[in-house]
C-alpha atoms as a PDB file:
ATOM      1  CA  MET A   1      -7.394   6.195 -38.569  1.00  0.00           C
ATOM      2  CA  ARG A   2      -7.169   2.935 -36.643  1.00  0.00           C
ATOM      3  CA  ILE A   3      -4.200   1.366 -34.878  1.00  0.00           C
ATOM      4  CA  GLU A   4      -4.424  -1.818 -36.938  1.00  0.00           C
ATOM      5  CA  GLN A   5      -3.948   0.225 -40.135  1.00  0.00           C
ATOM      6  CA  LEU A   6      -0.602   1.457 -38.844  1.00  0.00           C
ATOM      7  CA  GLU A   7       0.288  -2.056 -37.697  1.00  0.00           C
ATOM      8  CA  TYR A   8      -0.425  -3.374 -41.218  1.00  0.00           C
ATOM      9  CA  ILE A   9       1.900  -0.790 -42.808  1.00  0.00           C
ATOM     10  CA  GLU A  10       4.628  -1.689 -40.327  1.00  0.00           C
ATOM     11  CA  ALA A  11       4.189  -5.384 -41.105  1.00  0.00           C
ATOM     12  CA  VAL A  12       4.410  -4.806 -44.891  1.00  0.00           C
ATOM     13  CA  THR A  13       7.612  -2.799 -44.414  1.00  0.00           C
ATOM     14  CA  ARG A  14       9.158  -5.325 -42.042  1.00  0.00           C
ATOM     15  CA  LEU A  15       8.254  -8.416 -44.093  1.00  0.00           C
ATOM     16  CA  GLY A  16       8.776  -6.900 -47.554  1.00  0.00           C
ATOM     17  CA  SER A  17       5.448  -7.671 -49.222  1.00  0.00           C
ATOM     18  CA  LEU A  18       1.687  -7.659 -48.839  1.00  0.00           C
ATOM     19  CA  ARG A  19       1.539 -11.432 -49.178  1.00  0.00           C
ATOM     20  CA  ARG A  20       3.979 -12.162 -46.356  1.00  0.00           C
ATOM     21  CA  ALA A  21       2.372  -9.494 -44.167  1.00  0.00           C
ATOM     22  CA  ALA A  22      -1.092 -10.979 -44.748  1.00  0.00           C
ATOM     23  CA  GLU A  23       0.172 -14.448 -43.810  1.00  0.00           C
ATOM     24  CA  ALA A  24       1.823 -13.172 -40.640  1.00  0.00           C
ATOM     25  CA  LEU A  25      -1.283 -11.189 -39.629  1.00  0.00           C
ATOM     26  CA  HIS A  26      -3.605 -14.100 -40.455  1.00  0.00           C
ATOM     27  CA  ILE A  27      -5.843 -12.044 -42.751  1.00  0.00           C
ATOM     28  CA  SER A  28      -6.494 -12.241 -46.482  1.00  0.00           C
ATOM     29  CA  GLN A  29      -4.296 -10.238 -48.822  1.00  0.00           C
ATOM     30  CA  PRO A  30      -7.287  -8.373 -50.363  1.00  0.00           C
ATOM     31  CA  ALA A  31      -8.504  -7.377 -46.881  1.00  0.00           C
ATOM     32  CA  LEU A  32      -5.038  -6.133 -45.956  1.00  0.00           C
ATOM     33  CA  SER A  33      -4.737  -4.207 -49.234  1.00  0.00           C
ATOM     34  CA  GLU A  34      -8.145  -2.579 -48.801  1.00  0.00           C
ATOM     35  CA  THR A  35      -7.350  -1.545 -45.217  1.00  0.00           C
ATOM     36  CA  VAL A  36      -4.127   0.104 -46.371  1.00  0.00           C
ATOM     37  CA  ARG A  37      -5.968   1.845 -49.244  1.00  0.00           C
ATOM     38  CA  ASN A  38      -8.424   3.348 -46.757  1.00  0.00           C
ATOM     39  CA  LEU A  39      -5.528   4.768 -44.756  1.00  0.00           C
ATOM     40  CA  GLU A  40      -3.914   6.129 -47.939  1.00  0.00           C
ATOM     41  CA  ARG A  41      -7.141   7.893 -48.872  1.00  0.00           C
ATOM     42  CA  GLU A  42      -7.383   9.383 -45.396  1.00  0.00           C
ATOM     43  CA  LEU A  43      -3.775  10.626 -45.442  1.00  0.00           C
ATOM     44  CA  GLY A  44      -3.721  11.577 -49.132  1.00  0.00           C
ATOM     45  CA  VAL A  45      -0.454   9.689 -49.605  1.00  0.00           C
ATOM     46  CA  ASP A  46       0.406   6.453 -51.457  1.00  0.00           C
ATOM     47  CA  LEU A  47       2.041   4.422 -48.713  1.00  0.00           C
ATOM     48  CA  LEU A  48       2.631   1.361 -50.893  1.00  0.00           C
ATOM     49  CA  ASP A  49       4.250   1.030 -54.287  1.00  0.00           C
ATOM     50  CA  ARG A  50       2.028  -1.512 -56.049  1.00  0.00           C
ATOM     51  CA  ARG A  51       3.482  -3.430 -59.016  1.00  0.00           C
ATOM     52  CA  ARG A  52       2.736  -6.651 -60.854  1.00  0.00           C
ATOM     53  CA  SER A  53       5.493  -8.320 -58.841  1.00  0.00           C
ATOM     54  CA  GLY A  54       3.883  -7.232 -55.578  1.00  0.00           C
ATOM     55  CA  ALA A  55       3.487  -4.244 -53.277  1.00  0.00           C
ATOM     56  CA  LYS A  56       6.178  -2.727 -51.092  1.00  0.00           C
ATOM     57  CA  ILE A  57       6.495   0.420 -49.015  1.00  0.00           C
ATOM     58  CA  SER A  58       6.706   3.557 -51.167  1.00  0.00           C
ATOM     59  CA  ALA A  59       9.209   6.381 -50.847  1.00  0.00           C
ATOM     60  CA  GLU A  60       6.508   8.561 -49.275  1.00  0.00           C
ATOM     61  CA  GLY A  61       5.638   5.692 -46.951  1.00  0.00           C
ATOM     62  CA  ARG A  62       9.263   5.383 -45.827  1.00  0.00           C
ATOM     63  CA  GLU A  63       9.316   9.065 -44.931  1.00  0.00           C
ATOM     64  CA  LEU A  64       6.230   8.598 -42.769  1.00  0.00           C
ATOM     65  CA  LEU A  65       7.442   5.314 -41.309  1.00  0.00           C
ATOM     66  CA  PRO A  66       9.266   6.839 -38.276  1.00  0.00           C
ATOM     67  CA  HIS A  67       6.041   8.580 -37.279  1.00  0.00           C
ATOM     68  CA  ILE A  68       4.069   5.374 -37.710  1.00  0.00           C
ATOM     69  CA  VAL A  69       6.566   3.424 -35.592  1.00  0.00           C
ATOM     70  CA  GLY A  70       6.493   6.198 -32.978  1.00  0.00           C
ATOM     71  CA  VAL A  71       2.711   5.938 -32.669  1.00  0.00           C
ATOM     72  CA  LEU A  72       2.881   2.148 -32.381  1.00  0.00           C
ATOM     73  CA  ASP A  73       5.602   2.387 -29.728  1.00  0.00           C
ATOM     74  CA  ALA A  74       3.468   4.862 -27.761  1.00  0.00           C
ATOM     75  CA  VAL A  75       0.462   2.542 -28.004  1.00  0.00           C
ATOM     76  CA  ASP A  76       2.607  -0.373 -26.827  1.00  0.00           C
ATOM     77  CA  ARG A  77       3.828   1.630 -23.819  1.00  0.00           C
ATOM     78  CA  LEU A  78       0.244   2.561 -22.998  1.00  0.00           C
ATOM     79  CA  ARG A  79      -0.834  -1.079 -23.124  1.00  0.00           C
ATOM     80  CA  ARG A  80       2.074  -2.173 -20.930  1.00  0.00           C
ATOM     81  CA  ALA A  81       1.336   0.569 -18.397  1.00  0.00           C
ATOM     82  CA  ALA A  82      -2.332  -0.376 -18.305  1.00  0.00           C
ATOM     83  CA  ASP A  83      -1.396  -4.031 -17.882  1.00  0.00           C
ATOM     84  CA  ASP A  84       1.016  -3.198 -15.054  1.00  0.00           C
ATOM     85  CA  GLN A  85      -1.628  -1.130 -13.301  1.00  0.00           C
ATOM     86  CA  HIS A  86      -4.144  -3.920 -13.740  1.00  0.00           C
ATOM     87  CA  ARG A  87      -1.779  -6.428 -12.176  1.00  0.00           C
ATOM     88  CA  THR A  88      -1.013  -4.057  -9.315  1.00  0.00           C
ATOM     89  CA  SER A  89      -4.683  -3.472  -8.679  1.00  0.00           C
ATOM     90  CA  ARG A  90      -5.273  -7.220  -8.493  1.00  0.00           C
ATOM     91  CA  THR A  91      -2.980  -7.544  -5.470  1.00  0.00           C
ATOM     92  CA  LEU A  92      -2.422  -4.689  -3.041  1.00  0.00           C
ATOM     93  CA  ARG A  93       0.508  -4.913  -0.643  1.00  0.00           C
ATOM     94  CA  LEU A  94      -0.094  -3.211   2.696  1.00  0.00           C
ATOM     95  CA  GLY A  95       2.798  -2.870   5.102  1.00  0.00           C
ATOM     96  CA  THR A  96       2.086  -2.354   8.796  1.00  0.00           C
ATOM     97  CA  VAL A  97       4.331  -1.930  11.812  1.00  0.00           C
ATOM     98  CA  ASN A  98       1.460  -3.203  13.809  1.00  0.00           C
ATOM     99  CA  ALA A  99      -0.928  -5.803  12.491  1.00  0.00           C
ATOM    100  CA  ALA A 100      -2.442  -5.361  15.924  1.00  0.00           C
ATOM    101  CA  THR A 101      -4.332  -2.282  14.764  1.00  0.00           C
ATOM    102  CA  VAL A 102      -7.099  -4.839  14.447  1.00  0.00           C
ATOM    103  CA  PRO A 103      -9.989  -2.489  15.321  1.00  0.00           C
ATOM    104  CA  LEU A 104      -9.063  -0.389  12.275  1.00  0.00           C
ATOM    105  CA  LEU A 105      -7.443  -2.900   9.939  1.00  0.00           C
ATOM    106  CA  VAL A 106     -10.080  -5.629   9.978  1.00  0.00           C
ATOM    107  CA  PRO A 107     -13.162  -3.445   9.296  1.00  0.00           C
ATOM    108  CA  THR A 108     -11.264  -1.664   6.528  1.00  0.00           C
ATOM    109  CA  ILE A 109     -10.253  -4.861   4.753  1.00  0.00           C
ATOM    110  CA  ARG A 110     -13.743  -6.314   5.200  1.00  0.00           C
ATOM    111  CA  GLU A 111     -15.362  -3.268   3.559  1.00  0.00           C
ATOM    112  CA  PHE A 112     -12.770  -3.145   0.786  1.00  0.00           C
ATOM    113  CA  ARG A 113     -13.215  -6.834  -0.046  1.00  0.00           C
ATOM    114  CA  ALA A 114     -16.984  -6.378  -0.262  1.00  0.00           C
ATOM    115  CA  ALA A 115     -16.552  -3.553  -2.783  1.00  0.00           C
ATOM    116  CA  HIS A 116     -13.560  -5.056  -4.651  1.00  0.00           C
ATOM    117  CA  PRO A 117     -13.883  -8.859  -4.444  1.00  0.00           C
ATOM    118  CA  GLU A 118     -11.474  -9.331  -7.359  1.00  0.00           C
ATOM    119  CA  THR A 119      -8.577  -7.605  -5.576  1.00  0.00           C
ATOM    120  CA  GLN A 120      -6.328  -9.462  -3.143  1.00  0.00           C
ATOM    121  CA  ILE A 121      -4.745  -7.740  -0.136  1.00  0.00           C
ATOM    122  CA  GLU A 122      -1.431  -8.883   1.262  1.00  0.00           C
ATOM    123  CA  VAL A 123      -0.799  -7.574   4.798  1.00  0.00           C
ATOM    124  CA  ILE A 124       2.911  -7.518   5.590  1.00  0.00           C
ATOM    125  CA  GLY A 125       4.266  -6.886   9.085  1.00  0.00           C
ATOM    126  CA  ALA A 126       7.537  -4.959   9.126  1.00  0.00           C
ATOM    127  CA  GLN A 127       9.417  -2.270  10.982  1.00  0.00           C
ATOM    128  CA  GLN A 128       8.890   1.362  10.083  1.00  0.00           C
ATOM    129  CA  ALA A 129      12.210   1.791   8.254  1.00  0.00           C
ATOM    130  CA  ASP A 130      11.522  -1.276   6.113  1.00  0.00           C
ATOM    131  CA  ILE A 131       8.046  -0.023   5.236  1.00  0.00           C
ATOM    132  CA  HIS A 132       9.435   3.351   4.181  1.00  0.00           C
ATOM    133  CA  ARG A 133      12.039   1.679   1.975  1.00  0.00           C
ATOM    134  CA  GLU A 134       9.545  -0.676   0.335  1.00  0.00           C
ATOM    135  CA  LEU A 135       7.111   2.172  -0.347  1.00  0.00           C
ATOM    136  CA  LEU A 136       9.827   4.206  -2.062  1.00  0.00           C
ATOM    137  CA  GLU A 137      11.100   1.185  -4.042  1.00  0.00           C
ATOM    138  CA  GLY A 138       7.629   0.089  -5.161  1.00  0.00           C
ATOM    139  CA  GLY A 139       7.415  -3.049  -3.043  1.00  0.00           C
ATOM    140  CA  LEU A 140       4.379  -1.769  -1.101  1.00  0.00           C
ATOM    141  CA  ASP A 141       1.307   0.198  -2.140  1.00  0.00           C
ATOM    142  CA  LEU A 142       0.397   1.538   1.302  1.00  0.00           C
ATOM    143  CA  GLY A 143       1.970   1.565   4.742  1.00  0.00           C
ATOM    144  CA  LEU A 144       0.604   1.927   8.290  1.00  0.00           C
ATOM    145  CA  VAL A 145       3.193   3.391  10.668  1.00  0.00           C
ATOM    146  CA  ASN A 146       3.283   5.051  14.075  1.00  0.00           C
ATOM    147  CA  TYR A 147       4.950   8.327  14.971  1.00  0.00           C
ATOM    148  CA  LEU A 148       5.429  10.212  18.187  1.00  0.00           C
ATOM    149  CA  GLU A 149       4.142  13.750  17.919  1.00  0.00           C
ATOM    150  CA  GLY A 150       6.912  15.978  16.561  1.00  0.00           C
ATOM    151  CA  ASP A 151       8.704  13.223  14.626  1.00  0.00           C
ATOM    152  CA  ASP A 152       9.796  14.171  11.116  1.00  0.00           C
ATOM    153  CA  LYS A 153       8.041  12.437   8.204  1.00  0.00           C
ATOM    154  CA  PRO A 154      10.183  11.007   5.382  1.00  0.00           C
ATOM    155  CA  THR A 155      10.382  12.817   2.061  1.00  0.00           C
ATOM    156  CA  GLY A 156       8.917  11.123  -0.992  1.00  0.00           C
ATOM    157  CA  LEU A 157       5.845   9.833   0.854  1.00  0.00           C
ATOM    158  CA  HIS A 158       2.366  11.248   1.250  1.00  0.00           C
ATOM    159  CA  SER A 159       1.178  10.911   4.867  1.00  0.00           C
ATOM    160  CA  THR A 160      -2.415  10.885   6.135  1.00  0.00           C
ATOM    161  CA  GLU A 161      -3.017  10.920   9.873  1.00  0.00           C
ATOM    162  CA  LEU A 162      -5.668   8.328  10.743  1.00  0.00           C
ATOM    163  CA  LEU A 163      -5.682   8.208  14.540  1.00  0.00           C
ATOM    164  CA  ARG A 164      -4.185  10.228  17.358  1.00  0.00           C
ATOM    165  CA  GLY A 165      -3.838   8.526  20.722  1.00  0.00           C
ATOM    166  CA  ARG A 166      -1.541   8.268  23.697  1.00  0.00           C
ATOM    167  CA  PRO A 167       0.710   5.602  25.219  1.00  0.00           C
ATOM    168  CA  VAL A 168      -1.006   3.459  27.854  1.00  0.00           C
ATOM    169  CA  ALA A 169      -0.167   0.489  30.039  1.00  0.00           C
ATOM    170  CA  CYS A 170      -1.746  -2.628  28.563  1.00  0.00           C
ATOM    171  CA  VAL A 171      -2.433  -5.010  31.445  1.00  0.00           C
ATOM    172  CA  ARG A 172      -4.286  -8.226  32.132  1.00  0.00           C
ATOM    173  CA  THR A 173      -7.729  -7.516  33.619  1.00  0.00           C
ATOM    174  CA  ASP A 174      -6.928  -9.385  36.847  1.00  0.00           C
ATOM    175  CA  SER A 175      -3.611  -7.573  37.306  1.00  0.00           C
ATOM    176  CA  PRO A 176      -3.297  -5.296  40.375  1.00  0.00           C
ATOM    177  CA  LEU A 177      -2.487  -2.471  37.950  1.00  0.00           C
ATOM    178  CA  ALA A 178      -5.945  -2.816  36.384  1.00  0.00           C
ATOM    179  CA  ALA A 179      -7.449  -1.693  39.703  1.00  0.00           C
ATOM    180  CA  GLN A 180      -5.450   1.543  39.653  1.00  0.00           C
ATOM    181  CA  ARG A 181      -6.605   4.787  38.061  1.00  0.00           C
ATOM    182  CA  THR A 182      -3.182   5.400  36.488  1.00  0.00           C
ATOM    183  CA  VAL A 183       0.111   3.522  36.177  1.00  0.00           C
ATOM    184  CA  SER A 184       3.360   5.191  37.236  1.00  0.00           C
ATOM    185  CA  VAL A 185       6.913   4.579  36.086  1.00  0.00           C
ATOM    186  CA  ALA A 186       7.600   3.054  39.515  1.00  0.00           C
ATOM    187  CA  ASP A 187       4.753   0.575  38.891  1.00  0.00           C
ATOM    188  CA  LEU A 188       6.297  -0.417  35.569  1.00  0.00           C
ATOM    189  CA  LEU A 189       9.749  -0.885  37.075  1.00  0.00           C
ATOM    190  CA  ALA A 190       8.402  -3.123  39.819  1.00  0.00           C
ATOM    191  CA  GLN A 191       7.080  -5.894  37.573  1.00  0.00           C
ATOM    192  CA  PRO A 192       7.876  -7.752  34.319  1.00  0.00           C
ATOM    193  CA  LEU A 193       7.667  -5.453  31.317  1.00  0.00           C
ATOM    194  CA  ILE A 194       7.096  -6.551  27.720  1.00  0.00           C
ATOM    195  CA  VAL A 195       8.989  -4.153  25.443  1.00  0.00           C
ATOM    196  CA  MET A 196       8.816  -3.798  21.684  1.00  0.00           C
ATOM    197  CA  ARG A 197      12.035  -4.681  19.910  1.00  0.00           C
ATOM    198  CA  SER A 198      14.468  -1.958  18.832  1.00  0.00           C
ATOM    199  CA  GLY A 199      13.281  -0.264  15.651  1.00  0.00           C
ATOM    200  CA  TYR A 200       9.697   0.258  16.798  1.00  0.00           C
ATOM    201  CA  VAL A 201       8.401   3.655  17.896  1.00  0.00           C
ATOM    202  CA  MET A 202       7.146   2.244  21.192  1.00  0.00           C
ATOM    203  CA  HIS A 203      10.614   0.846  21.985  1.00  0.00           C
ATOM    204  CA  ARG A 204      12.001   4.360  21.624  1.00  0.00           C
ATOM    205  CA  TYR A 205       9.180   5.763  23.732  1.00  0.00           C
ATOM    206  CA  VAL A 206       9.622   3.267  26.590  1.00  0.00           C
ATOM    207  CA  HIS A 207      13.384   3.874  26.674  1.00  0.00           C
ATOM    208  CA  ARG A 208      12.692   7.589  27.031  1.00  0.00           C
ATOM    209  CA  LEU A 209       9.956   7.024  29.621  1.00  0.00           C
ATOM    210  CA  LEU A 210      12.118   4.862  31.886  1.00  0.00           C
ATOM    211  CA  GLU A 211      15.133   7.200  31.486  1.00  0.00           C
ATOM    212  CA  GLY A 212      17.529   4.284  31.223  1.00  0.00           C
ATOM    213  CA  ARG A 213      16.235   2.429  34.280  1.00  0.00           C
ATOM    214  CA  SER A 214      15.542  -1.286  34.004  1.00  0.00           C
ATOM    215  CA  PRO A 215      12.449  -3.113  35.273  1.00  0.00           C
ATOM    216  CA  THR A 216      12.706  -6.173  37.507  1.00  0.00           C
ATOM    217  CA  PHE A 217      12.410  -8.351  34.416  1.00  0.00           C
ATOM    218  CA  SER A 218      11.708  -7.633  30.784  1.00  0.00           C
ATOM    219  CA  TYR A 219      10.812  -9.406  27.553  1.00  0.00           C
ATOM    220  CA  SER A 220      11.497  -8.176  24.047  1.00  0.00           C
ATOM    221  CA  THR A 221       8.996  -8.944  21.314  1.00  0.00           C
ATOM    222  CA  ASP A 222       8.394  -8.081  17.674  1.00  0.00           C
ATOM    223  CA  GLY A 223       5.157  -6.138  17.359  1.00  0.00           C
ATOM    224  CA  ALA A 224       2.151  -5.276  19.466  1.00  0.00           C
ATOM    225  CA  GLU A 225       0.117  -8.345  18.557  1.00  0.00           C
ATOM    226  CA  MET A 226       2.532 -10.681  20.339  1.00  0.00           C
ATOM    227  CA  GLY A 227       2.861  -8.155  23.152  1.00  0.00           C
ATOM    228  CA  LYS A 228      -0.874  -8.254  23.826  1.00  0.00           C
ATOM    229  CA  LEU A 229      -0.941 -12.042  23.698  1.00  0.00           C
ATOM    230  CA  MET A 230       1.841 -12.150  26.288  1.00  0.00           C
ATOM    231  CA  VAL A 231      -0.113  -9.747  28.494  1.00  0.00           C
ATOM    232  CA  ALA A 232      -3.217 -11.923  28.140  1.00  0.00           C
ATOM    233  CA  GLU A 233      -1.165 -14.922  29.277  1.00  0.00           C
ATOM    234  CA  GLY A 234      -0.111 -13.077  32.422  1.00  0.00           C
ATOM    235  CA  LEU A 235       3.555 -12.586  31.531  1.00  0.00           C
ATOM    236  CA  GLY A 236       3.654  -8.882  32.289  1.00  0.00           C
ATOM    237  CA  THR A 237       2.658  -5.388  31.155  1.00  0.00           C
ATOM    238  CA  THR A 238       3.385  -3.658  27.852  1.00  0.00           C
ATOM    239  CA  ILE A 239       3.190  -0.065  26.658  1.00  0.00           C
ATOM    240  CA  LEU A 240       1.152   0.535  23.500  1.00  0.00           C
ATOM    241  CA  PRO A 241      -0.886   3.300  21.863  1.00  0.00           C
ATOM    242  CA  ASP A 242      -4.428   3.224  23.252  1.00  0.00           C
ATOM    243  CA  PHE A 243      -5.864   2.719  19.757  1.00  0.00           C
ATOM    244  CA  SER A 244      -3.931  -0.559  19.557  1.00  0.00           C
ATOM    245  CA  VAL A 245      -5.815  -1.882  22.595  1.00  0.00           C
ATOM    246  CA  THR A 246      -9.280  -0.323  22.535  1.00  0.00           C
ATOM    247  CA  GLY A 247     -11.568  -2.589  20.513  1.00  0.00           C
ATOM    248  CA  ASP A 248      -8.995  -5.368  20.150  1.00  0.00           C
ATOM    249  CA  PRO A 249     -10.534  -8.879  20.326  1.00  0.00           C
ATOM    250  CA  LEU A 250      -8.527  -9.594  23.489  1.00  0.00           C
ATOM    251  CA  GLU A 251      -9.973  -6.486  25.118  1.00  0.00           C
ATOM    252  CA  ARG A 252     -13.509  -7.274  23.950  1.00  0.00           C
ATOM    253  CA  SER A 253     -13.191 -10.760  25.406  1.00  0.00           C
ATOM    254  CA  GLY A 254     -12.192  -9.314  28.783  1.00  0.00           C
ATOM    255  CA  LEU A 255      -8.616 -10.650  28.875  1.00  0.00           C
ATOM    256  CA  ILE A 256      -6.759  -7.341  28.658  1.00  0.00           C
ATOM    257  CA  THR A 257      -7.437  -3.694  29.384  1.00  0.00           C
ATOM    258  CA  HIS A 258      -5.387  -0.505  29.590  1.00  0.00           C
ATOM    259  CA  ARG A 259      -4.711   2.292  32.039  1.00  0.00           C
ATOM    260  CA  PRO A 260      -3.292   5.795  31.434  1.00  0.00           C
ATOM    261  CA  LEU A 261       0.295   6.510  32.382  1.00  0.00           C
ATOM    262  CA  ALA A 262       0.570   8.883  35.325  1.00  0.00           C
ATOM    263  CA  THR A 263       3.035  11.259  33.687  1.00  0.00           C
ATOM    264  CA  GLU A 264       2.024  10.929  30.042  1.00  0.00           C
ATOM    265  CA  ASP A 265       1.531  13.877  27.685  1.00  0.00           C
ATOM    266  CA  THR A 266       2.915  12.481  24.410  1.00  0.00           C
ATOM    267  CA  ALA A 267       0.626  11.833  21.447  1.00  0.00           C
ATOM    268  CA  VAL A 268       1.087   8.776  19.228  1.00  0.00           C
ATOM    269  CA  LEU A 269      -0.060   9.076  15.617  1.00  0.00           C
ATOM    270  CA  LEU A 270      -1.178   6.260  13.341  1.00  0.00           C
ATOM    271  CA  VAL A 271      -0.351   7.383   9.800  1.00  0.00           C
ATOM    272  CA  LEU A 272      -1.200   5.909   6.405  1.00  0.00           C
ATOM    273  CA  GLN A 273       1.499   6.496   3.783  1.00  0.00           C
ATOM    274  CA  ARG A 274       1.845   6.028   0.028  1.00  0.00           C
ATOM    275  CA  PRO A 275       4.520   7.019  -2.527  1.00  0.00           C
ATOM    276  CA  LEU A 276       4.360  10.533  -3.933  1.00  0.00           C
ATOM    277  CA  SER A 277       5.828   9.528  -7.291  1.00  0.00           C
ATOM    278  CA  GLY A 278       4.460   7.076  -9.824  1.00  0.00           C
ATOM    279  CA  PRO A 279       0.875   6.139 -10.673  1.00  0.00           C
ATOM    280  CA  THR A 280      -1.517   5.200  -7.886  1.00  0.00           C
ATOM    281  CA  PRO A 281      -3.722   2.227  -8.839  1.00  0.00           C
ATOM    282  CA  THR A 282      -7.453   2.753  -8.517  1.00  0.00           C
ATOM    283  CA  ALA A 283      -7.722  -0.052  -5.958  1.00  0.00           C
ATOM    284  CA  SER A 284      -4.998   1.542  -3.834  1.00  0.00           C
ATOM    285  CA  ARG A 285      -6.862   4.855  -3.809  1.00  0.00           C
ATOM    286  CA  ALA A 286     -10.050   3.035  -2.826  1.00  0.00           C
ATOM    287  CA  LEU A 287      -8.330   1.258   0.076  1.00  0.00           C
ATOM    288  CA  HIS A 288      -6.845   4.578   1.207  1.00  0.00           C
ATOM    289  CA  GLU A 289     -10.300   6.184   1.262  1.00  0.00           C
ATOM    290  CA  ILE A 290     -11.801   3.319   3.254  1.00  0.00           C
ATOM    291  CA  PHE A 291      -8.980   3.547   5.816  1.00  0.00           C
ATOM    292  CA  VAL A 292      -9.777   7.241   6.338  1.00  0.00           C
ATOM    293  CA  LYS A 293     -13.485   6.458   6.667  1.00  0.00           C
ATOM    294  CA  SER A 294     -12.873   3.570   9.104  1.00  0.00           C
ATOM    295  CA  ALA A 295     -10.568   5.736  11.227  1.00  0.00           C
ATOM    296  CA  LYS A 296     -13.279   8.403  11.562  1.00  0.00           C
ATOM    297  CA  THR A 297     -15.815   5.732  12.543  1.00  0.00           C
ATOM    298  CA  TYR A 298     -13.433   4.233  15.118  1.00  0.00           C
ATOM    299  CA  ALA A 299     -12.555   7.634  16.616  1.00  0.00           C
ATOM    300  CA  ALA A 300     -16.239   8.600  16.866  1.00  0.00           C
ATOM    301  CA  ALA A 301     -17.047   5.368  18.704  1.00  0.00           C
ATOM    302  CA  THR A 302     -14.103   5.653  21.129  1.00  0.00           C
ATOM    303  CA  PRO A 303     -14.491   7.660  24.360  1.00  0.00           C
ATOM    304  CA  ARG A 304     -12.673  10.966  23.991  1.00  0.00           C
ATOM    305  CA  ASP A 305     -10.674  10.521  27.221  1.00  0.00           C
ATOM    306  CA  ARG A 306      -8.877   7.642  25.492  1.00  0.00           C
ATOM    307  CA  LEU A 307      -7.957   9.677  22.447  1.00  0.00           C
END
């Protein structure tokens, strides 16, 4: 039994005759009739009532028609689902709170593109709450977010820990703080501080670290990438996870570095998330696997005292 045989029966029923069905299907009437006869022989049922005036669906055929339509509907749903998955796999949408996870993000995308050159990746910077919402609503395929150790993870999302680090002071290499072994809260309060905007994990962390005290001057910025650029330009110090600084192009070029915080014992987690419900496109699974692989490579190449 072939799908086109069922489609031919449906067309004859809908259009009222073999002739009109053959015209609509762009095949000859004898070819259509022979295809239907083959199906009748296979089922052992006369699906068409053939007369000199033409052929129409038989009584037995009408009884089987709901089953035929049900099969065709199922096939149509399968085709639509496959088409949707194909379109999704052609463009993957990756949300990140921190496009500045360059040492992990760039190698991952480079490797993925080499293996899947036909698939586009759209990297979207957003706050954690927005990423969670878009993942649950289907607007994103994957999301990179940060958590402080002990934070609750949202329901409805599968979470994979990629990196575990700690908050550090990101400073310009010629800053007096770069000459110190550690940076204290008093050091941070005594100079301009670049703080992530409200809604970011590191904003919450810095507020807790300073215990409500205000530095001599502060900036507020949207994301670690701009924070590091401001540090490189000598505007102040910012607090970031060490994995956001180690291996960054600005660090490799010698413009910025980082120092441990004197009183720090909090872990920061970089987590990759995807929806628990709904199908996961093949390309999305592949990108997920490469992220895990890249994170292991990065962690192995990073001195353990930084992680």
